[in-house]
Amino acid sequence: MSWNLIIYQPGNPSGQSKPLGRLDRVKEAFSSVFPELEWESPNEATLPIEGGFRLELTEQDGLVVDVSTHGGFNHLQQFAELCKREGWRMADAQEGEDVDLEDPVRWMEERCG
């Protein structure tokens, strides 16, 4: 398991995902959960604390296609709560396996031994 996650919106059966939402709305959702988040550009943010993370929002025509996290182990529960609230999914970027949003810490521990 990597410490990098992909946050996405499930789409149609062919595997095409739906956008997470408009750029400003997605940024607002993350900032509401992580008030210390610093937006370095319209599509990149960092949580500049020990054990923090970086976010990269993939945007197309003003809509966020997905969000990549770099780090974030210490904030797995908050990411899961945000995903549940917004109807998003979260997957391990390396393995491509969805995280159990109901118990993300247990899910992670089972994979890391």
C-alpha atoms as a PDB file:
ATOM      1  CA  MET A   1       0.000   0.000   0.000  1.00  0.00           C
ATOM      2  CA  SER A   2       1.244   3.448  -0.869  1.00  0.00           C
ATOM      3  CA  TRP A   3       0.446   6.580   1.095  1.00  0.00           C
ATOM      4  CA  ASN A   4      -0.967   8.079  -2.060  1.00  0.00           C
ATOM      5  CA  LEU A   5      -4.685   8.013  -2.679  1.00  0.00           C
ATOM      6  CA  ILE A   6      -7.001   8.821  -5.561  1.00  0.00           C
ATOM      7  CA  ILE A   7     -10.368  10.380  -4.756  1.00  0.00           C
ATOM      8  CA  TYR A   8     -12.905   9.948  -7.531  1.00  0.00           C
ATOM      9  CA  GLN A   9     -16.617   9.756  -8.319  1.00  0.00           C
ATOM     10  CA  PRO A  10     -17.859   6.393  -9.619  1.00  0.00           C
ATOM     11  CA  GLY A  11     -19.409   6.573 -13.038  1.00  0.00           C
ATOM     12  CA  ASN A  12     -20.864   4.235 -15.576  1.00  0.00           C
ATOM     13  CA  PRO A  13     -20.204   0.476 -15.849  1.00  0.00           C
ATOM     14  CA  SER A  14     -17.572   1.001 -18.576  1.00  0.00           C
ATOM     15  CA  GLY A  15     -15.289   2.501 -15.939  1.00  0.00           C
ATOM     16  CA  GLN A  16     -15.648   6.146 -16.940  1.00  0.00           C
ATOM     17  CA  SER A  17     -15.771   8.168 -13.720  1.00  0.00           C
ATOM     18  CA  LYS A  18     -17.919  11.257 -13.222  1.00  0.00           C
ATOM     19  CA  PRO A  19     -16.425  14.608 -12.135  1.00  0.00           C
ATOM     20  CA  LEU A  20     -16.283  15.342  -8.415  1.00  0.00           C
ATOM     21  CA  GLY A  21     -17.774  18.768  -9.056  1.00  0.00           C
ATOM     22  CA  ARG A  22     -16.837  22.318  -9.971  1.00  0.00           C
ATOM     23  CA  LEU A  23     -13.326  23.364  -8.966  1.00  0.00           C
ATOM     24  CA  ASP A  24     -14.418  25.984  -6.422  1.00  0.00           C
ATOM     25  CA  ARG A  25     -16.897  23.585  -4.793  1.00  0.00           C
ATOM     26  CA  VAL A  26     -14.331  20.763  -4.456  1.00  0.00           C
ATOM     27  CA  LYS A  27     -11.753  23.158  -2.995  1.00  0.00           C
ATOM     28  CA  GLU A  28     -14.370  24.397  -0.521  1.00  0.00           C
ATOM     29  CA  ALA A  29     -15.166  20.803   0.525  1.00  0.00           C
ATOM     30  CA  PHE A  30     -11.504  20.050   1.288  1.00  0.00           C
ATOM     31  CA  SER A  31     -10.950  23.383   3.044  1.00  0.00           C
ATOM     32  CA  SER A  32     -13.982  22.791   5.271  1.00  0.00           C
ATOM     33  CA  VAL A  33     -12.440  19.545   6.563  1.00  0.00           C
ATOM     34  CA  PHE A  34      -8.853  20.831   6.644  1.00  0.00           C
ATOM     35  CA  PRO A  35      -8.991  24.550   7.599  1.00  0.00           C
ATOM     36  CA  GLU A  36      -5.164  24.798   7.642  1.00  0.00           C
ATOM     37  CA  LEU A  37      -4.962  23.690   4.003  1.00  0.00           C
ATOM     38  CA  GLU A  38      -2.865  26.129   1.958  1.00  0.00           C
ATOM     39  CA  TRP A  39      -3.787  26.479  -1.726  1.00  0.00           C
ATOM     40  CA  GLU A  40      -0.539  27.029  -3.619  1.00  0.00           C
ATOM     41  CA  SER A  41      -2.344  27.249  -6.966  1.00  0.00           C
ATOM     42  CA  PRO A  42      -5.902  26.664  -8.153  1.00  0.00           C
ATOM     43  CA  ASN A  43      -5.166  22.931  -8.406  1.00  0.00           C
ATOM     44  CA  GLU A  44      -2.582  22.236  -5.683  1.00  0.00           C
ATOM     45  CA  ALA A  45      -2.698  22.451  -1.915  1.00  0.00           C
ATOM     46  CA  THR A  46      -0.668  21.335   1.047  1.00  0.00           C
ATOM     47  CA  LEU A  47      -1.374  20.735   4.694  1.00  0.00           C
ATOM     48  CA  PRO A  48       1.916  22.095   6.091  1.00  0.00           C
ATOM     49  CA  ILE A  49       2.049  20.241   9.389  1.00  0.00           C
ATOM     50  CA  GLU A  50       4.027  17.223  10.511  1.00  0.00           C
ATOM     51  CA  GLY A  51       2.354  14.223   8.917  1.00  0.00           C
ATOM     52  CA  GLY A  52       0.545  16.503   6.448  1.00  0.00           C
ATOM     53  CA  PHE A  53      -0.132  15.872   2.774  1.00  0.00           C
ATOM     54  CA  ARG A  54      -0.320  17.394  -0.696  1.00  0.00           C
ATOM     55  CA  LEU A  55      -3.375  17.476  -2.943  1.00  0.00           C
ATOM     56  CA  GLU A  56      -3.417  17.700  -6.726  1.00  0.00           C
ATOM     57  CA  LEU A  57      -6.766  18.314  -8.384  1.00  0.00           C
ATOM     58  CA  THR A  58      -7.084  17.140 -11.988  1.00  0.00           C
ATOM     59  CA  GLU A  59      -9.317  19.658 -13.717  1.00  0.00           C
ATOM     60  CA  GLN A  60     -11.027  19.643 -17.075  1.00  0.00           C
ATOM     61  CA  ASP A  61     -13.303  22.464 -18.233  1.00  0.00           C
ATOM     62  CA  GLY A  62     -13.727  23.788 -14.678  1.00  0.00           C
ATOM     63  CA  LEU A  63     -14.665  20.378 -13.276  1.00  0.00           C
ATOM     64  CA  VAL A  64     -12.478  18.266 -10.997  1.00  0.00           C
ATOM     65  CA  VAL A  65     -11.968  14.822 -12.530  1.00  0.00           C
ATOM     66  CA  ASP A  66     -10.153  13.391  -9.504  1.00  0.00           C
ATOM     67  CA  VAL A  67      -7.882  14.319  -6.620  1.00  0.00           C
ATOM     68  CA  SER A  68      -4.502  12.744  -5.881  1.00  0.00           C
ATOM     69  CA  THR A  69      -3.068  12.843  -2.406  1.00  0.00           C
ATOM     70  CA  HIS A  70       0.597  12.491  -1.595  1.00  0.00           C
ATOM     71  CA  GLY A  71       0.829  11.422   2.015  1.00  0.00           C
ATOM     72  CA  GLY A  72      -2.227  11.621   4.196  1.00  0.00           C
ATOM     73  CA  PHE A  73      -1.887   8.508   6.337  1.00  0.00           C
ATOM     74  CA  ASN A  74      -2.557  10.548   9.486  1.00  0.00           C
ATOM     75  CA  HIS A  75      -5.739  11.975   7.943  1.00  0.00           C
ATOM     76  CA  LEU A  76      -7.241   8.820   6.470  1.00  0.00           C
ATOM     77  CA  GLN A  77     -10.362   9.022   8.644  1.00  0.00           C
ATOM     78  CA  GLN A  78     -11.035  12.656   7.654  1.00  0.00           C
ATOM     79  CA  PHE A  79     -10.606  11.803   3.959  1.00  0.00           C
ATOM     80  CA  ALA A  80     -13.050   8.905   4.378  1.00  0.00           C
ATOM     81  CA  GLU A  81     -15.633  11.112   6.114  1.00  0.00           C
ATOM     82  CA  LEU A  82     -15.351  13.709   3.346  1.00  0.00           C
ATOM     83  CA  CYS A  83     -15.774  11.023   0.685  1.00  0.00           C
ATOM     84  CA  LYS A  84     -18.846   9.586   2.411  1.00  0.00           C
ATOM     85  CA  ARG A  85     -20.385  13.043   2.769  1.00  0.00           C
ATOM     86  CA  GLU A  86     -19.767  13.938  -0.886  1.00  0.00           C
ATOM     87  CA  GLY A  87     -20.546  10.534  -2.432  1.00  0.00           C
ATOM     88  CA  TRP A  88     -16.949  10.082  -3.589  1.00  0.00           C
ATOM     89  CA  ARG A  89     -14.705   7.029  -3.459  1.00  0.00           C
ATOM     90  CA  MET A  90     -11.102   6.715  -2.396  1.00  0.00           C
ATOM     91  CA  ALA A  91      -8.591   4.190  -3.694  1.00  0.00           C
ATOM     92  CA  ASP A  92      -4.984   3.300  -3.021  1.00  0.00           C
ATOM     93  CA  ALA A  93      -3.159   4.869  -5.968  1.00  0.00           C
ATOM     94  CA  GLN A  94      -0.637   2.062  -6.315  1.00  0.00           C
ATOM     95  CA  GLU A  95      -2.916  -0.945  -5.824  1.00  0.00           C
ATOM     96  CA  GLY A  96      -6.047   0.551  -7.373  1.00  0.00           C
ATOM     97  CA  GLU A  97      -8.167  -0.959  -4.598  1.00  0.00           C
ATOM     98  CA  ASP A  98     -10.943   1.068  -2.986  1.00  0.00           C
ATOM     99  CA  VAL A  99     -10.510   1.990   0.667  1.00  0.00           C
ATOM    100  CA  ASP A 100     -13.257   0.850   3.059  1.00  0.00           C
ATOM    101  CA  LEU A 101     -14.808   4.214   3.926  1.00  0.00           C
ATOM    102  CA  GLU A 102     -16.591   2.748   6.949  1.00  0.00           C
ATOM    103  CA  ASP A 103     -13.331   1.691   8.615  1.00  0.00           C
ATOM    104  CA  PRO A 104     -10.386   3.038   6.625  1.00  0.00           C
ATOM    105  CA  VAL A 105      -7.821   2.583   9.398  1.00  0.00           C
ATOM    106  CA  ARG A 106      -8.633  -1.116   9.821  1.00  0.00           C
ATOM    107  CA  TRP A 107      -8.607  -1.508   6.029  1.00  0.00           C
ATOM    108  CA  MET A 108      -5.147   0.068   5.859  1.00  0.00           C
ATOM    109  CA  GLU A 109      -3.789  -1.967   8.784  1.00  0.00           C
ATOM    110  CA  GLU A 110      -4.913  -5.230   7.143  1.00  0.00           C
ATOM    111  CA  ARG A 111      -2.912  -4.372   4.044  1.00  0.00           C
ATOM    112  CA  CYS A 112       0.199  -3.153   5.811  1.00  0.00           C
ATOM    113  CA  GLY A 113       0.440  -6.073   8.189  1.00  0.00           C
END
